[in-house]
C-alpha atoms as a PDB file:
ATOM      1  CA  MET A   1       0.000   0.000   0.000  1.00  0.00           C
ATOM      2  CA  LYS A   2       2.807   2.368   0.900  1.00  0.00           C
ATOM      3  CA  HIS A   3       4.620   1.377  -2.294  1.00  0.00           C
ATOM      4  CA  TYR A   4       1.494   2.199  -4.331  1.00  0.00           C
ATOM      5  CA  ILE A   5       1.174   5.632  -2.753  1.00  0.00           C
ATOM      6  CA  ILE A   6       4.861   6.361  -3.418  1.00  0.00           C
ATOM      7  CA  ASN A   7       4.412   5.472  -7.096  1.00  0.00           C
ATOM      8  CA  ILE A   8       1.468   7.857  -7.377  1.00  0.00           C
ATOM      9  CA  ILE A   9       3.529  10.636  -5.827  1.00  0.00           C
ATOM     10  CA  ILE A  10       6.399   9.968  -8.246  1.00  0.00           C
ATOM     11  CA  ILE A  11       4.015  10.099 -11.220  1.00  0.00           C
ATOM     12  CA  ILE A  12       2.508  13.378 -10.014  1.00  0.00           C
ATOM     13  CA  ILE A  13       5.935  14.954  -9.440  1.00  0.00           C
ATOM     14  CA  THR A  14       7.200  13.734 -12.835  1.00  0.00           C
ATOM     15  CA  GLY A  15       4.108  15.048 -14.574  1.00  0.00           C
ATOM     16  CA  CYS A  16       4.515  18.435 -12.898  1.00  0.00           C
ATOM     17  CA  THR A  17       8.165  18.515 -13.942  1.00  0.00           C
ATOM     18  CA  GLU A  18       7.263  17.861 -17.573  1.00  0.00           C
ATOM     19  CA  ILE A  19       4.625  20.652 -17.539  1.00  0.00           C
ATOM     20  CA  SER A  20       7.089  22.995 -15.926  1.00  0.00           C
ATOM     21  CA  LYS A  21       9.661  22.376 -18.658  1.00  0.00           C
ATOM     22  CA  SER A  22       7.060  23.017 -21.346  1.00  0.00           C
ATOM     23  CA  GLN A  23       6.006  26.213 -19.670  1.00  0.00           C
ATOM     24  CA  GLN A  24       9.599  27.278 -19.307  1.00  0.00           C
ATOM     25  CA  GLN A  25      10.206  26.755 -23.024  1.00  0.00           C
ATOM     26  CA  PHE A  26       7.157  28.870 -23.817  1.00  0.00           C
ATOM     27  CA  ILE A  27       8.307  31.597 -21.427  1.00  0.00           C
ATOM     28  CA  THR A  28      11.791  31.573 -22.911  1.00  0.00           C
ATOM     29  CA  LYS A  29      10.422  31.834 -26.441  1.00  0.00           C
ATOM     30  CA  THR A  30       8.109  34.682 -25.427  1.00  0.00           C
ATOM     31  CA  LYS A  31      10.974  36.526 -23.785  1.00  0.00           C
ATOM     32  CA  ASP A  32      13.083  36.118 -26.919  1.00  0.00           C
ATOM     33  CA  ILE A  33      10.275  37.559 -29.054  1.00  0.00           C
ATOM     34  CA  ASP A  34       9.722  40.441 -26.647  1.00  0.00           C
ATOM     35  CA  SER A  35      13.454  41.171 -26.508  1.00  0.00           C
ATOM     36  CA  LEU A  36      13.751  41.284 -30.302  1.00  0.00           C
ATOM     37  CA  ALA A  37      10.677  43.499 -30.612  1.00  0.00           C
ATOM     38  CA  LEU A  38      12.076  45.777 -27.894  1.00  0.00           C
ATOM     39  CA  LEU A  39      15.368  45.990 -29.771  1.00  0.00           C
ATOM     40  CA  TYR A  40      13.650  47.277 -32.917  1.00  0.00           C
ATOM     41  CA  LYS A  41      11.472  49.622 -30.883  1.00  0.00           C
ATOM     42  CA  GLU A  42      14.526  51.158 -29.188  1.00  0.00           C
ATOM     43  CA  LYS A  43      16.283  51.474 -32.557  1.00  0.00           C
ATOM     44  CA  ALA A  44      13.196  53.266 -33.855  1.00  0.00           C
ATOM     45  CA  ASP A  45      13.194  55.615 -30.849  1.00  0.00           C
ATOM     46  CA  ALA A  46      16.830  56.501 -31.515  1.00  0.00           C
ATOM     47  CA  LYS A  47      16.185  57.126 -35.206  1.00  0.00           C
ATOM     48  CA  ASP A  48      13.222  59.353 -34.378  1.00  0.00           C
ATOM     49  CA  ASP A  49      15.357  61.353 -31.950  1.00  0.00           C
ATOM     50  CA  ALA A  50      17.980  61.739 -34.696  1.00  0.00           C
ATOM     51  CA  GLY A  51      15.374  63.017 -37.144  1.00  0.00           C
ATOM     52  CA  ASP A  52      15.178  59.862 -39.282  1.00  0.00           C
ATOM     53  CA  LYS A  53      11.383  59.595 -39.326  1.00  0.00           C
ATOM     54  CA  ASN A  54      11.166  57.082 -42.165  1.00  0.00           C
ATOM     55  CA  GLY A  55      13.755  54.850 -40.539  1.00  0.00           C
ATOM     56  CA  ALA A  56      11.867  55.062 -37.257  1.00  0.00           C
ATOM     57  CA  ILE A  57       8.608  53.981 -38.887  1.00  0.00           C
ATOM     58  CA  GLU A  58      10.392  51.078 -40.564  1.00  0.00           C
ATOM     59  CA  ASP A  59      11.782  49.798 -37.259  1.00  0.00           C
ATOM     60  CA  TYR A  60       8.517  50.300 -35.380  1.00  0.00           C
ATOM     61  CA  SER A  61       6.865  48.241 -38.119  1.00  0.00           C
ATOM     62  CA  LYS A  62       9.442  45.475 -37.650  1.00  0.00           C
ATOM     63  CA  ALA A  63       8.773  45.481 -33.906  1.00  0.00           C
ATOM     64  CA  ILE A  64       5.045  45.155 -34.601  1.00  0.00           C
ATOM     65  CA  SER A  65       5.582  42.316 -37.100  1.00  0.00           C
ATOM     66  CA  ILE A  66       7.453  40.418 -34.379  1.00  0.00           C
ATOM     67  CA  ASN A  67       4.942  41.264 -31.657  1.00  0.00           C
ATOM     68  CA  PRO A  68       1.534  42.298 -33.091  1.00  0.00           C
ATOM     69  CA  ASN A  69       0.349  43.270 -29.601  1.00  0.00           C
ATOM     70  CA  TYR A  70       3.150  45.760 -28.920  1.00  0.00           C
ATOM     71  CA  VAL A  71       1.220  48.806 -27.685  1.00  0.00           C
ATOM     72  CA  ALA A  72       4.237  51.120 -27.350  1.00  0.00           C
ATOM     73  CA  ALA A  73       5.318  50.426 -30.938  1.00  0.00           C
ATOM     74  CA  TYR A  74       1.871  51.312 -32.332  1.00  0.00           C
ATOM     75  CA  TYR A  75       1.694  54.395 -30.113  1.00  0.00           C
ATOM     76  CA  ASN A  76       5.160  55.694 -30.993  1.00  0.00           C
ATOM     77  CA  ARG A  77       4.667  54.973 -34.686  1.00  0.00           C
ATOM     78  CA  ALA A  78       1.439  56.967 -34.535  1.00  0.00           C
ATOM     79  CA  ILE A  79       3.303  59.946 -33.068  1.00  0.00           C
ATOM     80  CA  VAL A  80       5.916  59.819 -35.831  1.00  0.00           C
ATOM     81  CA  LYS A  81       3.275  59.450 -38.548  1.00  0.00           C
ATOM     82  CA  SER A  82       1.382  62.416 -37.162  1.00  0.00           C
ATOM     83  CA  SER A  83       4.542  64.549 -37.087  1.00  0.00           C
ATOM     84  CA  MET A  84       5.073  63.697 -40.776  1.00  0.00           C
ATOM     85  CA  GLY A  85       1.542  64.769 -41.678  1.00  0.00           C
ATOM     86  CA  ASP A  86       0.094  61.264 -42.043  1.00  0.00           C
ATOM     87  CA  LYS A  87      -2.869  61.926 -39.769  1.00  0.00           C
ATOM     88  CA  LYS A  88      -4.970  59.046 -41.124  1.00  0.00           C
ATOM     89  CA  GLY A  89      -2.134  56.581 -40.544  1.00  0.00           C
ATOM     90  CA  ALA A  90      -1.635  58.012 -37.082  1.00  0.00           C
ATOM     91  CA  ILE A  91      -5.326  57.545 -36.266  1.00  0.00           C
ATOM     92  CA  GLU A  92      -5.116  53.892 -37.324  1.00  0.00           C
ATOM     93  CA  ASP A  93      -2.123  53.286 -35.043  1.00  0.00           C
ATOM     94  CA  TYR A  94      -3.632  55.200 -32.118  1.00  0.00           C
ATOM     95  CA  SER A  95      -6.822  53.166 -32.531  1.00  0.00           C
ATOM     96  CA  LYS A  96      -4.864  49.904 -32.455  1.00  0.00           C
ATOM     97  CA  ALA A  97      -3.029  51.024 -29.324  1.00  0.00           C
ATOM     98  CA  ILE A  98      -6.393  51.835 -27.706  1.00  0.00           C
ATOM     99  CA  GLU A  99      -7.780  48.455 -28.761  1.00  0.00           C
ATOM    100  CA  LEU A 100      -4.863  46.735 -27.016  1.00  0.00           C
ATOM    101  CA  ASP A 101      -4.804  49.092 -24.029  1.00  0.00           C
ATOM    102  CA  PRO A 102      -8.067  51.011 -23.469  1.00  0.00           C
ATOM    103  CA  GLN A 103      -6.500  52.868 -20.533  1.00  0.00           C
ATOM    104  CA  LYS A 104      -3.743  54.537 -22.571  1.00  0.00           C
ATOM    105  CA  SER A 105      -4.757  58.183 -22.272  1.00  0.00           C
ATOM    106  CA  GLY A 106      -1.996  59.437 -24.569  1.00  0.00           C
ATOM    107  CA  ALA A 107      -3.465  57.461 -27.461  1.00  0.00           C
ATOM    108  CA  TYR A 108      -6.847  59.148 -27.011  1.00  0.00           C
ATOM    109  CA  TYR A 109      -5.096  62.524 -26.808  1.00  0.00           C
ATOM    110  CA  GLY A 110      -3.092  61.935 -29.986  1.00  0.00           C
ATOM    111  CA  ARG A 111      -6.034  60.504 -31.894  1.00  0.00           C
ATOM    112  CA  GLY A 112      -8.253  63.386 -30.832  1.00  0.00           C
ATOM    113  CA  ASN A 113      -5.772  65.956 -32.120  1.00  0.00           C
ATOM    114  CA  ALA A 114      -5.362  64.059 -35.396  1.00  0.00           C
ATOM    115  CA  LYS A 115      -9.141  63.899 -35.871  1.00  0.00           C
ATOM    116  CA  SER A 116      -9.425  67.614 -35.195  1.00  0.00           C
ATOM    117  CA  PHE A 117      -6.701  68.354 -37.751  1.00  0.00           C
ATOM    118  CA  LEU A 118      -8.702  66.441 -40.359  1.00  0.00           C
ATOM    119  CA  GLY A 119     -11.827  68.446 -39.532  1.00  0.00           C
ATOM    120  CA  ASP A 120     -13.546  66.038 -37.149  1.00  0.00           C
ATOM    121  CA  LYS A 121     -13.790  68.456 -34.222  1.00  0.00           C
ATOM    122  CA  LYS A 122     -16.557  66.563 -32.431  1.00  0.00           C
ATOM    123  CA  GLY A 123     -14.630  63.303 -32.714  1.00  0.00           C
ATOM    124  CA  GLY A 124     -11.589  65.087 -31.383  1.00  0.00           C
ATOM    125  CA  ILE A 125     -13.549  66.439 -28.415  1.00  0.00           C
ATOM    126  CA  ILE A 126     -14.831  62.932 -27.601  1.00  0.00           C
ATOM    127  CA  ASP A 127     -11.296  61.523 -27.585  1.00  0.00           C
ATOM    128  CA  LEU A 128      -9.858  64.353 -25.506  1.00  0.00           C
ATOM    129  CA  THR A 129     -12.722  63.965 -23.054  1.00  0.00           C
ATOM    130  CA  LYS A 130     -11.664  60.337 -22.608  1.00  0.00           C
ATOM    131  CA  ALA A 131      -8.049  61.390 -22.205  1.00  0.00           C
ATOM    132  CA  ILE A 132      -9.068  63.836 -19.462  1.00  0.00           C
ATOM    133  CA  GLU A 133     -11.172  61.140 -17.788  1.00  0.00           C
ATOM    134  CA  LEU A 134      -8.105  58.887 -17.631  1.00  0.00           C
ATOM    135  CA  THR A 135      -5.627  61.665 -16.774  1.00  0.00           C
ATOM    136  CA  PRO A 136      -7.540  64.514 -15.077  1.00  0.00           C
ATOM    137  CA  GLN A 137      -4.471  66.758 -14.754  1.00  0.00           C
ATOM    138  CA  ASP A 138      -3.467  66.718 -18.426  1.00  0.00           C
ATOM    139  CA  ILE A 139      -3.323  70.468 -19.084  1.00  0.00           C
ATOM    140  CA  ASP A 140      -2.754  70.126 -22.825  1.00  0.00           C
ATOM    141  CA  ALA A 141      -5.890  68.016 -23.180  1.00  0.00           C
ATOM    142  CA  TYR A 142      -8.008  70.746 -21.574  1.00  0.00           C
ATOM    143  CA  ILE A 143      -6.439  73.473 -23.707  1.00  0.00           C
ATOM    144  CA  ASN A 144      -6.815  71.565 -26.977  1.00  0.00           C
ATOM    145  CA  ARG A 145     -10.371  70.516 -26.169  1.00  0.00           C
ATOM    146  CA  ALA A 146     -11.212  74.129 -25.369  1.00  0.00           C
ATOM    147  CA  VAL A 147      -9.796  75.271 -28.706  1.00  0.00           C
ATOM    148  CA  MET A 148     -11.866  72.624 -30.511  1.00  0.00           C
ATOM    149  CA  LYS A 149     -14.987  73.814 -28.719  1.00  0.00           C
ATOM    150  CA  TYR A 150     -14.180  77.371 -29.800  1.00  0.00           C
ATOM    151  CA  GLU A 151     -13.835  76.188 -33.386  1.00  0.00           C
ATOM    152  CA  ILE A 152     -17.330  74.678 -33.357  1.00  0.00           C
ATOM    153  CA  GLY A 153     -18.810  77.772 -31.714  1.00  0.00           C
ATOM    154  CA  ASP A 154     -19.131  76.423 -28.164  1.00  0.00           C
ATOM    155  CA  ILE A 155     -17.638  79.483 -26.467  1.00  0.00           C
ATOM    156  CA  GLU A 156     -19.090  78.738 -23.026  1.00  0.00           C
ATOM    157  CA  GLY A 157     -17.661  75.222 -23.293  1.00  0.00           C
ATOM    158  CA  GLU A 158     -14.281  76.734 -24.118  1.00  0.00           C
ATOM    159  CA  LEU A 159     -14.409  78.994 -21.064  1.00  0.00           C
ATOM    160  CA  SER A 160     -15.529  76.084 -18.896  1.00  0.00           C
ATOM    161  CA  ASP A 161     -12.520  74.009 -19.947  1.00  0.00           C
ATOM    162  CA  TYR A 162     -10.041  76.768 -19.146  1.00  0.00           C
ATOM    163  CA  ARG A 163     -11.597  77.391 -15.747  1.00  0.00           C
ATOM    164  CA  LEU A 164     -11.794  73.689 -14.935  1.00  0.00           C
ATOM    165  CA  ALA A 165      -8.131  73.218 -15.849  1.00  0.00           C
ATOM    166  CA  ILE A 166      -7.118  76.215 -13.705  1.00  0.00           C
ATOM    167  CA  LYS A 167      -8.990  74.661 -10.800  1.00  0.00           C
ATOM    168  CA  ILE A 168      -7.610  71.122 -11.203  1.00  0.00           C
ATOM    169  CA  CYS A 169      -4.167  71.465 -12.773  1.00  0.00           C
ATOM    170  CA  LYS A 170      -0.965  73.220 -11.852  1.00  0.00           C
ATOM    171  CA  PRO A 171      -0.782  76.916 -12.826  1.00  0.00           C
ATOM    172  CA  ASN A 172      -0.163  77.321 -16.550  1.00  0.00           C
ATOM    173  CA  ALA A 173       0.409  80.610 -18.377  1.00  0.00           C
ATOM    174  CA  ASP A 174      -1.322  79.408 -21.550  1.00  0.00           C
ATOM    175  CA  LEU A 175      -4.518  78.705 -19.611  1.00  0.00           C
ATOM    176  CA  TYR A 176      -4.720  82.229 -18.206  1.00  0.00           C
ATOM    177  CA  ASN A 177      -3.756  83.771 -21.533  1.00  0.00           C
ATOM    178  CA  ASN A 178      -6.384  81.775 -23.427  1.00  0.00           C
ATOM    179  CA  LEU A 179      -9.073  82.473 -20.829  1.00  0.00           C
ATOM    180  CA  GLY A 180      -8.332  86.197 -20.907  1.00  0.00           C
ATOM    181  CA  ARG A 181      -8.402  86.217 -24.717  1.00  0.00           C
ATOM    182  CA  ALA A 182     -11.701  84.291 -24.852  1.00  0.00           C
ATOM    183  CA  LEU A 183     -13.380  86.668 -22.401  1.00  0.00           C
ATOM    184  CA  HIS A 184     -12.055  89.649 -24.360  1.00  0.00           C
ATOM    185  CA  ASP A 185     -13.536  88.206 -27.567  1.00  0.00           C
ATOM    186  CA  LEU A 186     -16.882  88.035 -25.767  1.00  0.00           C
ATOM    187  CA  GLU A 187     -16.439  91.694 -24.751  1.00  0.00           C
ATOM    188  CA  ARG A 188     -16.409  90.701 -21.096  1.00  0.00           C
ATOM    189  CA  PHE A 189     -13.501  93.051 -20.555  1.00  0.00           C
ATOM    190  CA  LYS A 190     -13.568  93.305 -16.768  1.00  0.00           C
ATOM    191  CA  GLU A 191     -13.488  89.514 -16.412  1.00  0.00           C
ATOM    192  CA  SER A 192     -10.784  89.394 -19.054  1.00  0.00           C
ATOM    193  CA  ALA A 193      -8.575  91.806 -17.126  1.00  0.00           C
ATOM    194  CA  GLU A 194      -9.135  89.782 -13.960  1.00  0.00           C
ATOM    195  CA  ALA A 195      -8.167  86.526 -15.699  1.00  0.00           C
ATOM    196  CA  TYR A 196      -4.958  88.051 -17.025  1.00  0.00           C
ATOM    197  CA  GLY A 197      -4.302  89.503 -13.564  1.00  0.00           C
ATOM    198  CA  GLU A 198      -4.598  86.087 -11.927  1.00  0.00           C
ATOM    199  CA  GLY A 199      -2.129  84.769 -14.442  1.00  0.00           C
ATOM    200  CA  ILE A 200       0.322  87.564 -13.710  1.00  0.00           C
ATOM    201  CA  LYS A 201       0.327  86.567 -10.029  1.00  0.00           C
ATOM    202  CA  HIS A 202       1.719  83.190 -11.045  1.00  0.00           C
ATOM    203  CA  PHE A 203       3.766  84.280 -14.071  1.00  0.00           C
ATOM    204  CA  PRO A 204       5.018  87.843 -13.518  1.00  0.00           C
ATOM    205  CA  LYS A 205       7.524  87.523 -16.386  1.00  0.00           C
ATOM    206  CA  ASP A 206       5.043  86.523 -19.109  1.00  0.00           C
ATOM    207  CA  TYR A 207       4.639  89.545 -21.396  1.00  0.00           C
ATOM    208  CA  ARG A 208       1.528  88.094 -23.067  1.00  0.00           C
ATOM    209  CA  LEU A 209      -0.467  88.464 -19.866  1.00  0.00           C
ATOM    210  CA  TYR A 210       0.446  92.148 -19.430  1.00  0.00           C
ATOM    211  CA  TYR A 211      -0.269  92.835 -23.088  1.00  0.00           C
ATOM    212  CA  GLY A 212      -3.687  91.156 -22.907  1.00  0.00           C
ATOM    213  CA  ARG A 213      -4.632  92.838 -19.650  1.00  0.00           C
ATOM    214  CA  GLY A 214      -3.651  96.169 -21.178  1.00  0.00           C
ATOM    215  CA  LEU A 215      -6.084  95.611 -24.037  1.00  0.00           C
ATOM    216  CA  ALA A 216      -8.871  94.722 -21.608  1.00  0.00           C
ATOM    217  CA  ARG A 217      -8.120  97.687 -19.323  1.00  0.00           C
ATOM    218  CA  LYS A 218      -8.246 100.068 -22.257  1.00  0.00           C
ATOM    219  CA  ARG A 219     -11.724  98.782 -23.161  1.00  0.00           C
ATOM    220  CA  ILE A 220     -13.034  99.470 -19.650  1.00  0.00           C
ATOM    221  CA  GLY A 221     -11.606 103.015 -19.698  1.00  0.00           C
ATOM    222  CA  ASP A 222      -8.530 102.394 -17.547  1.00  0.00           C
ATOM    223  CA  LYS A 223      -5.987 104.054 -19.863  1.00  0.00           C
ATOM    224  CA  LYS A 224      -3.421 104.462 -17.086  1.00  0.00           C
ATOM    225  CA  GLY A 225      -3.588 100.774 -16.215  1.00  0.00           C
ATOM    226  CA  ALA A 226      -3.444  99.830 -19.890  1.00  0.00           C
ATOM    227  CA  CYS A 227      -0.336 101.921 -20.469  1.00  0.00           C
ATOM    228  CA  GLU A 228       1.379 100.533 -17.406  1.00  0.00           C
ATOM    229  CA  ASP A 229       0.703  96.999 -18.653  1.00  0.00           C
ATOM    230  CA  TRP A 230       1.926  97.730 -22.171  1.00  0.00           C
ATOM    231  CA  MET A 231       5.077  99.364 -20.824  1.00  0.00           C
ATOM    232  CA  LYS A 232       5.758  96.309 -18.674  1.00  0.00           C
ATOM    233  CA  SER A 233       5.011  94.006 -21.594  1.00  0.00           C
ATOM    234  CA  SER A 234       7.426  95.986 -23.750  1.00  0.00           C
ATOM    235  CA  GLU A 235      10.125  95.747 -21.082  1.00  0.00           C
ATOM    236  CA  LEU A 236       9.688  91.958 -21.127  1.00  0.00           C
ATOM    237  CA  GLY A 237      10.166  91.836 -24.911  1.00  0.00           C
ATOM    238  CA  CYS A 238       6.716  92.099 -26.499  1.00  0.00           C
ATOM    239  CA  VAL A 239       6.991  93.697 -29.952  1.00  0.00           C
ATOM    240  CA  GLN A 240       3.220  94.186 -30.227  1.00  0.00           C
ATOM    241  CA  ALA A 241       3.272  96.268 -27.049  1.00  0.00           C
ATOM    242  CA  ASN A 242       5.875  98.558 -28.612  1.00  0.00           C
ATOM    243  CA  ILE A 243       3.417  99.341 -31.396  1.00  0.00           C
ATOM    244  CA  LEU A 244       0.813 100.494 -28.835  1.00  0.00           C
ATOM    245  CA  LEU A 245       3.143 102.656 -26.754  1.00  0.00           C
ATOM    246  CA  PRO A 246       2.555 105.811 -28.867  1.00  0.00           C
ATOM    247  CA  LEU A 247      -1.007 105.712 -27.521  1.00  0.00           C
ATOM    248  CA  CYS A 248       0.543 106.275 -24.113  1.00  0.00           C
ATOM    249  CA  ASP A 249       2.631 109.344 -24.954  1.00  0.00           C
ATOM    250  CA  GLU A 250       0.438 111.633 -22.848  1.00  0.00           C
ATOM    251  CA  TYR A 251       0.462 109.248 -19.900  1.00  0.00           C
ATOM    252  CA  MET A 252       4.230 108.733 -20.176  1.00  0.00           C
ATOM    253  CA  LYS A 253       4.774 112.520 -20.236  1.00  0.00           C
ATOM    254  CA  GLU A 254       2.608 112.956 -17.136  1.00  0.00           C
ATOM    255  CA  ARG A 255       4.493 110.134 -15.446  1.00  0.00           C
ATOM    256  CA  THR A 256       7.870 111.680 -16.325  1.00  0.00           C
ATOM    257  CA  ASP A 257       6.768 115.117 -15.077  1.00  0.00           C
ATOM    258  CA  SER A 258       5.470 113.560 -11.855  1.00  0.00           C
ATOM    259  CA  LEU A 259       8.772 111.782 -11.221  1.00  0.00           C
ATOM    260  CA  LYS A 260      10.634 114.996 -11.983  1.00  0.00           C
ATOM    261  CA  ARG A 261       8.548 116.940  -9.473  1.00  0.00           C
ATOM    262  CA  GLN A 262       9.027 114.205  -6.918  1.00  0.00           C
ATOM    263  CA  ASN A 263      12.814 114.285  -7.335  1.00  0.00           C
ATOM    264  CA  GLU A 264      12.876 118.070  -7.083  1.00  0.00           C
ATOM    265  CA  GLY A 265      10.838 117.884  -3.883  1.00  0.00           C
ATOM    266  CA  GLU A 266      13.271 115.394  -2.350  1.00  0.00           C
ATOM    267  CA  ARG A 267      16.240 117.698  -3.115  1.00  0.00           C
ATOM    268  CA  THR A 268      14.551 120.672  -1.440  1.00  0.00           C
END
């Protein structure tokens, strides 16, 4: 009886050993395939970095032929195709990456931008909405979705996206600049000046914000404030502000005379 039990144990152990070897062979083969695909993918990355876009696409394609489920290869090839102007090809690759990995937010972002470029603004908005759902702090997704909404006439939706991004994401100068510009376009000049002002608190060296606030201040009758903003914008390197400075000649003269009187008073 004991001998019988021992034989059963030996058979079980032997059987497990045989399965283990088979599994090991499969694992080894899979690793070899993955390693070769990775090699071509890394070669493609290097070629892309060096500016060889066609070579990069060729090597990404080789990686995909070795491993048809290689998400990163589809995704990176899509980026290269898009940069070369092949938006339709990029959409196909982004879609395949999404099929293999539905949680890859960057693929939705890239596909949405490609769709928008081809005129499918609503499709682009849908994809960027998914990208934001997966990565709520993706500033670029909010900005691009807002621009798409503007392009289809959804101005309130555009404003909503900028404000939502300001609330959720880290401070970003483009957000404040775009929000201020959108409010100015709607002739909501006081709100526009306030939006630019909030941006200036975070980015006191961004000449766009001073320039934009100057335009808004001028429209609400604050010529002094407008001139001060344009002068600051000019100091920071804004060429457009230089063009507007002649409008401030009277203010600048008053300011110079005031400083002169102040200096004379200090000497006496």
